[in-house]
Protein backbone atom coordinates (compact mmCIF):
# COMPACT_ATOMS: atom_id res chain seq x y z
CA MET A 1 0.00 0.00 0.00
CA THR A 2 1.13 3.52 -0.68
CA TYR A 3 -1.01 5.26 1.93
CA PRO A 4 -1.04 5.07 5.73
CA LEU A 5 -3.70 3.24 7.70
CA LEU A 6 -4.28 3.58 11.41
CA ALA A 7 -5.18 1.02 14.06
CA ASP A 8 -6.60 2.64 17.19
CA PHE A 9 -5.99 0.02 19.89
CA THR A 10 -6.00 2.60 22.72
CA LYS A 11 -9.15 4.34 21.36
CA GLN A 12 -7.41 7.71 21.76
CA VAL A 13 -7.81 8.63 18.08
CA SER A 14 -11.51 7.70 18.17
CA LYS A 15 -11.90 9.97 21.19
CA ASP A 16 -9.94 12.80 19.53
CA TYR A 17 -12.09 12.58 16.38
CA GLY A 18 -15.33 12.52 18.37
CA VAL A 19 -16.55 9.07 17.31
CA LEU A 20 -15.91 7.09 20.50
CA LEU A 21 -19.00 5.81 22.28
CA GLU A 22 -17.41 5.62 25.71
CA THR A 23 -20.37 3.82 27.32
CA LEU A 24 -19.93 0.96 24.82
CA GLY A 25 -16.16 1.13 24.53
CA ALA A 26 -16.61 1.16 20.75
CA ALA A 27 -16.38 3.76 18.03
CA LEU A 28 -18.81 4.79 15.34
CA ARG A 29 -17.63 3.84 11.85
CA GLY A 30 -15.57 6.85 10.86
CA THR A 31 -13.62 7.40 7.67
CA PHE A 32 -11.41 10.49 7.56
CA LEU A 33 -9.61 11.53 4.38
CA ILE A 34 -6.66 13.76 5.17
CA GLY A 35 -4.72 15.39 2.33
CA PRO A 36 -0.93 15.52 2.00
CA ASP A 37 -1.12 19.05 3.42
CA GLY A 38 -2.58 17.64 6.66
CA LEU A 39 -6.02 19.16 6.07
CA LEU A 40 -9.19 17.13 6.55
CA ARG A 41 -10.71 16.83 3.08
CA ALA A 42 -13.73 14.63 3.87
CA TYR A 43 -15.20 12.55 6.63
CA ILE A 44 -18.04 10.09 6.87
CA VAL A 45 -19.32 8.88 10.24
CA GLN A 46 -21.87 6.10 10.37
CA ASP A 47 -23.71 4.22 13.06
CA LEU A 48 -22.42 0.81 14.12
CA THR A 49 -25.28 -0.88 12.28
CA VAL A 50 -24.38 0.38 8.79
CA GLY A 51 -21.37 -0.70 6.76
CA ARG A 52 -19.07 1.63 4.86
CA SER A 53 -18.98 1.95 1.08
CA ILE A 54 -15.45 1.33 -0.14
CA GLU A 55 -16.59 2.39 -3.63
CA GLU A 56 -17.58 5.83 -2.31
CA ILE A 57 -14.33 6.24 -0.39
CA LEU A 58 -12.29 5.35 -3.49
CA ARG A 59 -14.43 7.73 -5.58
CA LEU A 60 -13.68 10.55 -3.15
CA VAL A 61 -9.95 9.83 -3.14
CA SER A 62 -9.92 9.70 -6.96
CA GLY A 63 -11.80 12.99 -7.15
CA PHE A 64 -9.45 14.75 -4.73
CA LYS A 65 -6.43 13.50 -6.65
CA THR A 66 -7.66 15.14 -9.87
CA GLY A 67 -7.62 18.65 -8.42
CA GLU A 68 -10.70 19.36 -10.56
CA LEU A 69 -14.32 20.17 -9.71
CA CYS A 70 -16.15 16.85 -9.63
CA PRO A 71 -19.96 16.79 -9.81
CA VAL A 72 -22.20 14.69 -7.58
CA GLY A 73 -21.80 11.02 -8.44
CA TRP A 74 -18.67 11.70 -10.52
CA ARG A 75 -16.62 8.63 -11.49
CA PRO A 76 -13.07 8.48 -12.88
CA GLY A 77 -13.12 9.10 -16.62
CA GLU A 78 -16.25 11.26 -16.52
CA PRO A 79 -16.16 15.01 -17.30
CA PHE A 80 -15.46 17.60 -14.63
CA LEU A 81 -17.43 20.74 -13.90
CA PRO A 82 -16.14 23.97 -15.45
CA ALA A 83 -13.71 25.90 -13.29
CA ILE A 84 -15.15 28.69 -11.18
CA PRO A 85 -13.97 32.03 -12.63
CA LYS A 86 -11.87 34.08 -10.26
CA ASN A 87 -13.12 37.52 -9.31
CA THR A 88 -10.74 39.98 -10.94
CA GLY A 89 -12.35 42.98 -9.24
CA LYS A 90 -13.38 44.55 -12.57
């Protein structure tokens, strides 16, 4: 793998990210996508009863890697949205 994964055996990260259910000693199902710049780009937090969609996570990662504006439901190979024009003050 070319990206880091985290195992949270002490539950400290779950607590820090606000997904730890302390009364159960378990965490909600959280996925946090953090860019190379250290900024949180996306997060999805789900109840314990619902599984995560790996397809959606991979779609998000692919979209972020393009650096383009990706529409809702965008998939790799599909067109991007037009760039937002910058305000030139004129």
